[in-house]
PDB file of N, CA and C in Angstrom:
ATOM      1  N   MET A   1     -79.131 122.829 118.393  1.00  0.00           N
ATOM      2  CA  MET A   1     -79.380 122.516 117.007  1.00  0.00           C
ATOM      3  C   MET A   1     -78.114 121.960 116.380  1.00  0.00           C
ATOM      4  N   SER A   2     -78.230 120.855 115.674  1.00  0.00           N
ATOM      5  CA  SER A   2     -77.059 120.218 115.077  1.00  0.00           C
ATOM      6  C   SER A   2     -76.750 120.837 113.714  1.00  0.00           C
ATOM      7  N   PRO A   3     -75.460 120.768 113.286  1.00  0.00           N
ATOM      8  CA  PRO A   3     -75.078 121.299 111.978  1.00  0.00           C
ATOM      9  C   PRO A   3     -75.748 120.516 110.846  1.00  0.00           C
ATOM     10  N   VAL A   4     -75.868 121.151 109.715  1.00  0.00           N
ATOM     11  CA  VAL A   4     -76.509 120.544 108.554  1.00  0.00           C
ATOM     12  C   VAL A   4     -75.497 119.685 107.805  1.00  0.00           C
ATOM     13  N   LEU A   5     -75.860 118.460 107.478  1.00  0.00           N
ATOM     14  CA  LEU A   5     -75.014 117.574 106.695  1.00  0.00           C
ATOM     15  C   LEU A   5     -75.081 118.000 105.235  1.00  0.00           C
ATOM     16  N   ARG A   6     -73.946 118.296 104.655  1.00  0.00           N
ATOM     17  CA  ARG A   6     -73.912 118.716 103.261  1.00  0.00           C
ATOM     18  C   ARG A   6     -73.452 117.608 102.325  1.00  0.00           C
ATOM     19  N   ARG A   7     -72.394 116.875 102.746  1.00  0.00           N
ATOM     20  CA  ARG A   7     -71.838 115.849 101.859  1.00  0.00           C
ATOM     21  C   ARG A   7     -71.043 114.853 102.685  1.00  0.00           C
ATOM     22  N   LEU A   8     -70.563 113.817 102.021  1.00  0.00           N
ATOM     23  CA  LEU A   8     -69.746 112.792 102.656  1.00  0.00           C
ATOM     24  C   LEU A   8     -68.318 112.912 102.141  1.00  0.00           C
ATOM     25  N   CYS A   9     -67.374 112.483 102.958  1.00  0.00           N
ATOM     26  CA  CYS A   9     -65.976 112.432 102.538  1.00  0.00           C
ATOM     27  C   CYS A   9     -65.888 111.476 101.351  1.00  0.00           C
ATOM     28  N   PRO A  10     -65.276 111.896 100.229  1.00  0.00           N
ATOM     29  CA  PRO A  10     -65.221 111.028  99.050  1.00  0.00           C
ATOM     30  C   PRO A  10     -64.430 109.740  99.277  1.00  0.00           C
ATOM     31  N   SER A  11     -63.522 109.743 100.243  1.00  0.00           N
ATOM     32  CA  SER A  11     -62.688 108.560 100.468  1.00  0.00           C
ATOM     33  C   SER A  11     -63.332 107.551 101.404  1.00  0.00           C
ATOM     34  N   CYS A  12     -63.755 108.022 102.587  1.00  0.00           N
ATOM     35  CA  CYS A  12     -64.213 107.077 103.612  1.00  0.00           C
ATOM     36  C   CYS A  12     -65.702 107.203 103.940  1.00  0.00           C
ATOM     37  N   LYS A  13     -66.388 108.144 103.313  1.00  0.00           N
ATOM     38  CA  LYS A  13     -67.838 108.338 103.461  1.00  0.00           C
ATOM     39  C   LYS A  13     -68.263 108.790 104.865  1.00  0.00           C
ATOM     40  N   VAL A  14     -67.357 109.449 105.606  1.00  0.00           N
ATOM     41  CA  VAL A  14     -67.702 110.044 106.896  1.00  0.00           C
ATOM     42  C   VAL A  14     -68.480 111.325 106.618  1.00  0.00           C
ATOM     43  N   ALA A  15     -69.474 111.624 107.418  1.00  0.00           N
ATOM     44  CA  ALA A  15     -70.285 112.825 107.218  1.00  0.00           C
ATOM     45  C   ALA A  15     -69.469 114.076 107.499  1.00  0.00           C
ATOM     46  N   LEU A  16     -69.536 115.050 106.591  1.00  0.00           N
ATOM     47  CA  LEU A  16     -68.848 116.329 106.758  1.00  0.00           C
ATOM     48  C   LEU A  16     -69.860 117.404 107.097  1.00  0.00           C
ATOM     49  N   ILE A  17     -69.436 118.368 107.888  1.00  0.00           N
ATOM     50  CA  ILE A  17     -70.300 119.466 108.291  1.00  0.00           C
ATOM     51  C   ILE A  17     -70.250 120.547 107.217  1.00  0.00           C
ATOM     52  N   ALA A  18     -71.357 121.223 107.012  1.00  0.00           N
ATOM     53  CA  ALA A  18     -71.450 122.267 105.987  1.00  0.00           C
ATOM     54  C   ALA A  18     -70.354 123.310 106.175  1.00  0.00           C
ATOM     55  N   GLY A  19     -69.724 123.711 105.069  1.00  0.00           N
ATOM     56  CA  GLY A  19     -68.719 124.761 105.099  1.00  0.00           C
ATOM     57  C   GLY A  19     -67.354 124.305 105.561  1.00  0.00           C
ATOM     58  N   ARG A  20     -67.151 123.040 105.748  1.00  0.00           N
ATOM     59  CA  ARG A  20     -65.862 122.517 106.211  1.00  0.00           C
ATOM     60  C   ARG A  20     -65.043 122.016 105.023  1.00  0.00           C
ATOM     61  N   ALA A  21     -63.932 121.339 105.325  1.00  0.00           N
ATOM     62  CA  ALA A  21     -63.016 120.850 104.302  1.00  0.00           C
ATOM     63  C   ALA A  21     -63.689 119.829 103.386  1.00  0.00           C
ATOM     64  N   ARG A  22     -63.044 119.575 102.263  1.00  0.00           N
ATOM     65  CA  ARG A  22     -63.567 118.618 101.298  1.00  0.00           C
ATOM     66  C   ARG A  22     -63.462 117.181 101.810  1.00  0.00           C
ATOM     67  N   TYR A  23     -62.361 116.866 102.515  1.00  0.00           N
ATOM     68  CA  TYR A  23     -62.134 115.537 103.072  1.00  0.00           C
ATOM     69  C   TYR A  23     -62.223 115.595 104.591  1.00  0.00           C
ATOM     70  N   CYS A  24     -62.430 114.438 105.224  1.00  0.00           N
ATOM     71  CA  CYS A  24     -62.353 114.383 106.683  1.00  0.00           C
ATOM     72  C   CYS A  24     -60.889 114.575 107.076  1.00  0.00           C
ATOM     73  N   ARG A  25     -60.632 114.823 108.330  1.00  0.00           N
ATOM     74  CA  ARG A  25     -59.275 115.129 108.787  1.00  0.00           C
ATOM     75  C   ARG A  25     -58.301 113.994 108.479  1.00  0.00           C
ATOM     76  N   ALA A  26     -58.697 112.753 108.720  1.00  0.00           N
ATOM     77  CA  ALA A  26     -57.810 111.609 108.477  1.00  0.00           C
ATOM     78  C   ALA A  26     -57.470 111.480 106.993  1.00  0.00           C
ATOM     79  N   CYS A  27     -58.464 111.599 106.136  1.00  0.00           N
ATOM     80  CA  CYS A  27     -58.224 111.478 104.695  1.00  0.00           C
ATOM     81  C   CYS A  27     -57.425 112.662 104.161  1.00  0.00           C
ATOM     82  N   GLN A  28     -57.668 113.867 104.693  1.00  0.00           N
ATOM     83  CA  GLN A  28     -56.920 115.047 104.269  1.00  0.00           C
ATOM     84  C   GLN A  28     -55.438 114.885 104.595  1.00  0.00           C
ATOM     85  N   THR A  29     -55.116 114.385 105.784  1.00  0.00           N
ATOM     86  CA  THR A  29     -53.730 114.156 106.172  1.00  0.00           C
ATOM     87  C   THR A  29     -53.074 113.131 105.251  1.00  0.00           C
ATOM     88  N   MET A  30     -53.783 112.051 104.957  1.00  0.00           N
ATOM     89  CA  MET A  30     -53.256 111.025 104.075  1.00  0.00           C
ATOM     90  C   MET A  30     -53.062 111.575 102.660  1.00  0.00           C
ATOM     91  N   TYR A  31     -54.016 112.361 102.184  1.00  0.00           N
ATOM     92  CA  TYR A  31     -53.950 112.940 100.847  1.00  0.00           C
ATOM     93  C   TYR A  31     -52.762 113.885 100.724  1.00  0.00           C
ATOM     94  N   GLU A  32     -52.550 114.749 101.722  1.00  0.00           N
ATOM     95  CA  GLU A  32     -51.433 115.689 101.689  1.00  0.00           C
ATOM     96  C   GLU A  32     -50.101 114.967 101.741  1.00  0.00           C
ATOM     97  N   ALA A  33     -50.005 113.906 102.523  1.00  0.00           N
ATOM     98  CA  ALA A  33     -48.765 113.138 102.607  1.00  0.00           C
ATOM     99  C   ALA A  33     -48.453 112.470 101.267  1.00  0.00           C
ATOM    100  N   ARG A  34     -49.482 112.010 100.579  1.00  0.00           N
ATOM    101  CA  ARG A  34     -49.296 111.342  99.292  1.00  0.00           C
ATOM    102  C   ARG A  34     -48.829 112.303  98.213  1.00  0.00           C
ATOM    103  N   ARG A  35     -49.415 113.473  98.163  1.00  0.00           N
ATOM    104  CA  ARG A  35     -49.083 114.400  97.078  1.00  0.00           C
ATOM    105  C   ARG A  35     -47.893 115.281  97.392  1.00  0.00           C
ATOM    106  N   GLY A  36     -47.510 115.399  98.669  1.00  0.00           N
ATOM    107  CA  GLY A  36     -46.371 116.212  99.052  1.00  0.00           C
ATOM    108  C   GLY A  36     -46.713 117.693  99.014  1.00  0.00           C
ATOM    109  N   SER A  37     -45.733 118.501  99.306  1.00  0.00           N
ATOM    110  CA  SER A  37     -45.927 119.952  99.322  1.00  0.00           C
ATOM    111  C   SER A  37     -46.098 120.452  97.893  1.00  0.00           C
ATOM    112  N   ARG A  38     -47.064 121.307  97.657  1.00  0.00           N
ATOM    113  CA  ARG A  38     -47.342 121.772  96.297  1.00  0.00           C
ATOM    114  C   ARG A  38     -46.783 123.154  96.006  1.00  0.00           C
ATOM    115  N   SER A  39     -46.206 123.825  96.982  1.00  0.00           N
ATOM    116  CA  SER A  39     -45.686 125.156  96.697  1.00  0.00           C
ATOM    117  C   SER A  39     -44.166 125.148  96.753  1.00  0.00           C
ATOM    118  N   ILE A  40     -43.569 125.985  95.944  1.00  0.00           N
ATOM    119  CA  ILE A  40     -42.119 126.105  95.897  1.00  0.00           C
ATOM    120  C   ILE A  40     -41.701 127.130  96.942  1.00  0.00           C
ATOM    121  N   ASP A  41     -40.642 126.832  97.651  1.00  0.00           N
ATOM    122  CA  ASP A  41     -40.114 127.718  98.677  1.00  0.00           C
ATOM    123  C   ASP A  41     -39.839 129.104  98.069  1.00  0.00           C
ATOM    124  N   ALA A  42     -40.199 130.160  98.789  1.00  0.00           N
ATOM    125  CA  ALA A  42     -40.031 131.530  98.290  1.00  0.00           C
ATOM    126  C   ALA A  42     -38.568 131.852  98.008  1.00  0.00           C
ATOM    127  N   ASN A  43     -37.658 131.356  98.836  1.00  0.00           N
ATOM    128  CA  ASN A  43     -36.231 131.603  98.598  1.00  0.00           C
ATOM    129  C   ASN A  43     -35.766 130.931  97.322  1.00  0.00           C
ATOM    130  N   LYS A  44     -36.217 129.705  97.077  1.00  0.00           N
ATOM    131  CA  LYS A  44     -35.845 129.001  95.851  1.00  0.00           C
ATOM    132  C   LYS A  44     -36.395 129.740  94.636  1.00  0.00           C
ATOM    133  N   ARG A  45     -37.640 130.226  94.746  1.00  0.00           N
ATOM    134  CA  ARG A  45     -38.253 130.979  93.659  1.00  0.00           C
ATOM    135  C   ARG A  45     -37.427 132.225  93.322  1.00  0.00           C
ATOM    136  N   ARG A  46     -37.026 132.972  94.352  1.00  0.00           N
ATOM    137  CA  ARG A  46     -36.216 134.178  94.128  1.00  0.00           C
ATOM    138  C   ARG A  46     -34.864 133.839  93.513  1.00  0.00           C
ATOM    139  N   ARG A  47     -34.226 132.763  93.990  1.00  0.00           N
ATOM    140  CA  ARG A  47     -32.915 132.371  93.453  1.00  0.00           C
ATOM    141  C   ARG A  47     -33.007 131.977  91.984  1.00  0.00           C
ATOM    142  N   VAL A  48     -34.062 131.247  91.611  1.00  0.00           N
ATOM    143  CA  VAL A  48     -34.219 130.822  90.210  1.00  0.00           C
ATOM    144  C   VAL A  48     -34.463 132.029  89.313  1.00  0.00           C
ATOM    145  N   ILE A  49     -35.313 132.953  89.747  1.00  0.00           N
ATOM    146  CA  ILE A  49     -35.599 134.144  88.936  1.00  0.00           C
ATOM    147  C   ILE A  49     -34.344 134.989  88.772  1.00  0.00           C
ATOM    148  N   ALA A  50     -33.572 135.167  89.863  1.00  0.00           N
ATOM    149  CA  ALA A  50     -32.323 135.936  89.780  1.00  0.00           C
ATOM    150  C   ALA A  50     -31.299 135.209  88.901  1.00  0.00           C
ATOM    151  N   ARG A  51     -31.204 133.883  89.016  1.00  0.00           N
ATOM    152  CA  ARG A  51     -30.277 133.097  88.202  1.00  0.00           C
ATOM    153  C   ARG A  51     -30.536 133.304  86.715  1.00  0.00           C
ATOM    154  N   ASP A  52     -31.821 133.377  86.341  1.00  0.00           N
ATOM    155  CA  ASP A  52     -32.188 133.535  84.939  1.00  0.00           C
ATOM    156  C   ASP A  52     -32.212 134.987  84.482  1.00  0.00           C
ATOM    157  N   GLY A  53     -31.773 135.899  85.340  1.00  0.00           N
ATOM    158  CA  GLY A  53     -31.670 137.312  84.960  1.00  0.00           C
ATOM    159  C   GLY A  53     -33.006 137.992  84.777  1.00  0.00           C
ATOM    160  N   TYR A  54     -34.046 137.525  85.458  1.00  0.00           N
ATOM    161  CA  TYR A  54     -35.388 138.107  85.401  1.00  0.00           C
ATOM    162  C   TYR A  54     -35.977 138.089  83.994  1.00  0.00           C
ATOM    163  N   LEU A  55     -35.461 137.190  83.127  1.00  0.00           N
ATOM    164  CA  LEU A  55     -35.974 137.044  81.769  1.00  0.00           C
ATOM    165  C   LEU A  55     -36.885 135.823  81.703  1.00  0.00           C
ATOM    166  N   CYS A  56     -38.029 135.983  81.066  1.00  0.00           N
ATOM    167  CA  CYS A  56     -38.969 134.877  80.881  1.00  0.00           C
ATOM    168  C   CYS A  56     -38.400 133.918  79.841  1.00  0.00           C
ATOM    169  N   HIS A  57     -38.301 132.648  80.178  1.00  0.00           N
ATOM    170  CA  HIS A  57     -37.747 131.677  79.225  1.00  0.00           C
ATOM    171  C   HIS A  57     -38.757 131.316  78.148  1.00  0.00           C
ATOM    172  N   LEU A  58     -40.019 131.695  78.310  1.00  0.00           N
ATOM    173  CA  LEU A  58     -41.042 131.380  77.308  1.00  0.00           C
ATOM    174  C   LEU A  58     -41.145 132.449  76.225  1.00  0.00           C
ATOM    175  N   CYS A  59     -41.103 133.725  76.614  1.00  0.00           N
ATOM    176  CA  CYS A  59     -41.226 134.791  75.614  1.00  0.00           C
ATOM    177  C   CYS A  59     -39.954 135.614  75.452  1.00  0.00           C
ATOM    178  N   GLY A  60     -39.008 135.501  76.397  1.00  0.00           N
ATOM    179  CA  GLY A  60     -37.734 136.206  76.292  1.00  0.00           C
ATOM    180  C   GLY A  60     -37.744 137.639  76.786  1.00  0.00           C
ATOM    181  N   LEU A  61     -38.857 138.127  77.280  1.00  0.00           N
ATOM    182  CA  LEU A  61     -38.942 139.504  77.763  1.00  0.00           C
ATOM    183  C   LEU A  61     -38.566 139.589  79.242  1.00  0.00           C
ATOM    184  N   PRO A  62     -38.055 140.749  79.677  1.00  0.00           N
ATOM    185  CA  PRO A  62     -37.703 140.902  81.093  1.00  0.00           C
ATOM    186  C   PRO A  62     -38.944 141.035  81.969  1.00  0.00           C
ATOM    187  N   GLY A  63     -38.745 140.882  83.273  1.00  0.00           N
ATOM    188  CA  GLY A  63     -39.830 141.067  84.225  1.00  0.00           C
ATOM    189  C   GLY A  63     -40.475 139.775  84.685  1.00  0.00           C
ATOM    190  N   ALA A  64     -39.750 138.658  84.621  1.00  0.00           N
ATOM    191  CA  ALA A  64     -40.304 137.378  85.072  1.00  0.00           C
ATOM    192  C   ALA A  64     -40.661 137.464  86.550  1.00  0.00           C
ATOM    193  N   ASP A  65     -41.840 136.963  86.902  1.00  0.00           N
ATOM    194  CA  ASP A  65     -42.316 137.062  88.280  1.00  0.00           C
ATOM    195  C   ASP A  65     -42.733 135.724  88.866  1.00  0.00           C
ATOM    196  N   SER A  66     -42.515 134.624  88.150  1.00  0.00           N
ATOM    197  CA  SER A  66     -42.843 133.302  88.664  1.00  0.00           C
ATOM    198  C   SER A  66     -41.849 132.299  88.085  1.00  0.00           C
ATOM    199  N   VAL A  67     -41.987 131.055  88.494  1.00  0.00           N
ATOM    200  CA  VAL A  67     -41.126 130.011  87.950  1.00  0.00           C
ATOM    201  C   VAL A  67     -41.980 128.975  87.226  1.00  0.00           C
ATOM    202  N   ASP A  68     -41.383 128.345  86.231  1.00  0.00           N
ATOM    203  CA  ASP A  68     -42.060 127.352  85.414  1.00  0.00           C
ATOM    204  C   ASP A  68     -41.289 126.044  85.506  1.00  0.00           C
ATOM    205  N   HIS A  69     -41.999 124.940  85.571  1.00  0.00           N
ATOM    206  CA  HIS A  69     -41.366 123.625  85.565  1.00  0.00           C
ATOM    207  C   HIS A  69     -41.134 123.213  84.116  1.00  0.00           C
ATOM    208  N   LEU A  70     -39.890 122.855  83.771  1.00  0.00           N
ATOM    209  CA  LEU A  70     -39.618 122.369  82.419  1.00  0.00           C
ATOM    210  C   LEU A  70     -40.362 121.059  82.175  1.00  0.00           C
ATOM    211  N   ILE A  71     -40.273 120.148  83.129  1.00  0.00           N
ATOM    212  CA  ILE A  71     -41.070 118.923  83.114  1.00  0.00           C
ATOM    213  C   ILE A  71     -42.137 119.111  84.184  1.00  0.00           C
ATOM    214  N   PRO A  72     -43.402 119.250  83.811  1.00  0.00           N
ATOM    215  CA  PRO A  72     -44.464 119.531  84.790  1.00  0.00           C
ATOM    216  C   PRO A  72     -44.556 118.466  85.873  1.00  0.00           C
ATOM    217  N   ARG A  73     -45.017 118.879  87.037  1.00  0.00           N
ATOM    218  CA  ARG A  73     -45.197 117.941  88.144  1.00  0.00           C
ATOM    219  C   ARG A  73     -46.146 116.815  87.759  1.00  0.00           C
ATOM    220  N   SER A  74     -47.156 117.146  86.967  1.00  0.00           N
ATOM    221  CA  SER A  74     -48.137 116.135  86.569  1.00  0.00           C
ATOM    222  C   SER A  74     -47.524 115.053  85.688  1.00  0.00           C
ATOM    223  N   ARG A  75     -46.344 115.329  85.138  1.00  0.00           N
ATOM    224  CA  ARG A  75     -45.662 114.341  84.290  1.00  0.00           C
ATOM    225  C   ARG A  75     -44.391 113.819  84.934  1.00  0.00           C
ATOM    226  N   GLY A  76     -44.296 113.978  86.254  1.00  0.00           N
ATOM    227  CA  GLY A  76     -43.171 113.409  86.980  1.00  0.00           C
ATOM    228  C   GLY A  76     -42.037 114.368  87.268  1.00  0.00           C
ATOM    229  N   GLY A  77     -42.191 115.650  86.958  1.00  0.00           N
ATOM    230  CA  GLY A  77     -41.153 116.633  87.239  1.00  0.00           C
ATOM    231  C   GLY A  77     -41.057 116.923  88.723  1.00  0.00           C
ATOM    232  N   ASP A  78     -39.903 117.432  89.135  1.00  0.00           N
ATOM    233  CA  ASP A  78     -39.711 117.749  90.543  1.00  0.00           C
ATOM    234  C   ASP A  78     -39.424 119.240  90.706  1.00  0.00           C
ATOM    235  N   ASP A  79     -39.075 119.643  91.925  1.00  0.00           N
ATOM    236  CA  ASP A  79     -38.838 121.055  92.225  1.00  0.00           C
ATOM    237  C   ASP A  79     -37.359 121.384  92.340  1.00  0.00           C
ATOM    238  N   THR A  80     -36.489 120.639  91.677  1.00  0.00           N
ATOM    239  CA  THR A  80     -35.073 120.953  91.711  1.00  0.00           C
ATOM    240  C   THR A  80     -34.807 122.180  90.843  1.00  0.00           C
ATOM    241  N   ALA A  81     -33.722 122.878  91.151  1.00  0.00           N
ATOM    242  CA  ALA A  81     -33.389 124.096  90.409  1.00  0.00           C
ATOM    243  C   ALA A  81     -33.173 123.807  88.922  1.00  0.00           C
ATOM    244  N   ALA A  82     -32.698 122.618  88.598  1.00  0.00           N
ATOM    245  CA  ALA A  82     -32.469 122.261  87.197  1.00  0.00           C
ATOM    246  C   ALA A  82     -33.772 122.140  86.413  1.00  0.00           C
ATOM    247  N   ASN A  83     -34.885 121.887  87.089  1.00  0.00           N
ATOM    248  CA  ASN A  83     -36.178 121.734  86.426  1.00  0.00           C
ATOM    249  C   ASN A  83     -37.005 123.017  86.464  1.00  0.00           C
ATOM    250  N   LEU A  84     -36.480 124.092  87.030  1.00  0.00           N
ATOM    251  CA  LEU A  84     -37.221 125.349  87.153  1.00  0.00           C
ATOM    252  C   LEU A  84     -36.584 126.440  86.306  1.00  0.00           C
ATOM    253  N   LYS A  85     -37.401 127.234  85.650  1.00  0.00           N
ATOM    254  CA  LYS A  85     -36.962 128.388  84.872  1.00  0.00           C
ATOM    255  C   LYS A  85     -37.852 129.574  85.197  1.00  0.00           C
ATOM    256  N   ALA A  86     -37.312 130.782  85.096  1.00  0.00           N
ATOM    257  CA  ALA A  86     -38.082 131.998  85.344  1.00  0.00           C
ATOM    258  C   ALA A  86     -39.079 132.211  84.200  1.00  0.00           C
ATOM    259  N   ALA A  87     -40.263 132.722  84.538  1.00  0.00           N
ATOM    260  CA  ALA A  87     -41.298 132.974  83.531  1.00  0.00           C
ATOM    261  C   ALA A  87     -42.259 134.037  84.042  1.00  0.00           C
ATOM    262  N   HIS A  88     -42.928 134.699  83.119  1.00  0.00           N
ATOM    263  CA  HIS A  88     -44.034 135.579  83.497  1.00  0.00           C
ATOM    264  C   HIS A  88     -45.195 134.710  83.953  1.00  0.00           C
ATOM    265  N   ASN A  89     -45.950 135.197  84.884  1.00  0.00           N
ATOM    266  CA  ASN A  89     -47.100 134.444  85.364  1.00  0.00           C
ATOM    267  C   ASN A  89     -48.083 134.168  84.215  1.00  0.00           C
ATOM    268  N   ALA A  90     -48.309 135.169  83.373  1.00  0.00           N
ATOM    269  CA  ALA A  90     -49.253 135.006  82.252  1.00  0.00           C
ATOM    270  C   ALA A  90     -48.735 133.974  81.241  1.00  0.00           C
ATOM    271  N   CYS A  91     -47.445 133.996  80.932  1.00  0.00           N
ATOM    272  CA  CYS A  91     -46.887 133.022  80.003  1.00  0.00           C
ATOM    273  C   CYS A  91     -46.973 131.621  80.578  1.00  0.00           C
ATOM    274  N   ASN A  92     -46.683 131.500  81.868  1.00  0.00           N
ATOM    275  CA  ASN A  92     -46.719 130.203  82.530  1.00  0.00           C
ATOM    276  C   ASN A  92     -48.136 129.626  82.542  1.00  0.00           C
ATOM    277  N   ASN A  93     -49.124 130.462  82.825  1.00  0.00           N
ATOM    278  CA  ASN A  93     -50.506 129.984  82.843  1.00  0.00           C
ATOM    279  C   ASN A  93     -50.997 129.613  81.454  1.00  0.00           C
ATOM    280  N   ARG A  94     -50.528 130.319  80.430  1.00  0.00           N
ATOM    281  CA  ARG A  94     -50.925 130.014  79.057  1.00  0.00           C
ATOM    282  C   ARG A  94     -50.355 128.672  78.620  1.00  0.00           C
ATOM    283  N   ARG A  95     -49.151 128.364  79.079  1.00  0.00           N
ATOM    284  CA  ARG A  95     -48.497 127.123  78.695  1.00  0.00           C
ATOM    285  C   ARG A  95     -49.165 125.912  79.339  1.00  0.00           C
ATOM    286  N   GLY A  96     -49.541 126.018  80.588  1.00  0.00           N
ATOM    287  CA  GLY A  96     -50.182 124.906  81.279  1.00  0.00           C
ATOM    288  C   GLY A  96     -49.225 123.749  81.503  1.00  0.00           C
ATOM    289  N   ALA A  97     -49.707 122.534  81.482  1.00  0.00           N
ATOM    290  CA  ALA A  97     -48.887 121.345  81.740  1.00  0.00           C
ATOM    291  C   ALA A  97     -48.440 120.705  80.430  1.00  0.00           C
ATOM    292  N   ARG A  98     -47.889 121.496  79.529  1.00  0.00           N
ATOM    293  CA  ARG A  98     -47.412 120.966  78.247  1.00  0.00           C
ATOM    294  C   ARG A  98     -45.899 120.889  78.238  1.00  0.00           C
TER     295      ARG A  98
END
């Protein structure tokens, strides 16, 4: 019995098998190469939080557990230490890409 066709790859229209990735393998590789790595290295995250003294730069309270981009990636920001500040996860999510 053959797998059930659920959808087509949005880029090249190759048939995808149910429950598999959103893109075909070739398009997924191309897509990942274009957008680059989306996660910040854990060591860099720890260094930035320690550098800022575990204080959230958005609300000023201690206990920062994530990092925030001063210039969001969606607006051309990068992952350099100069563009990262310590923040609470909740404060960072509330701010969004503003």
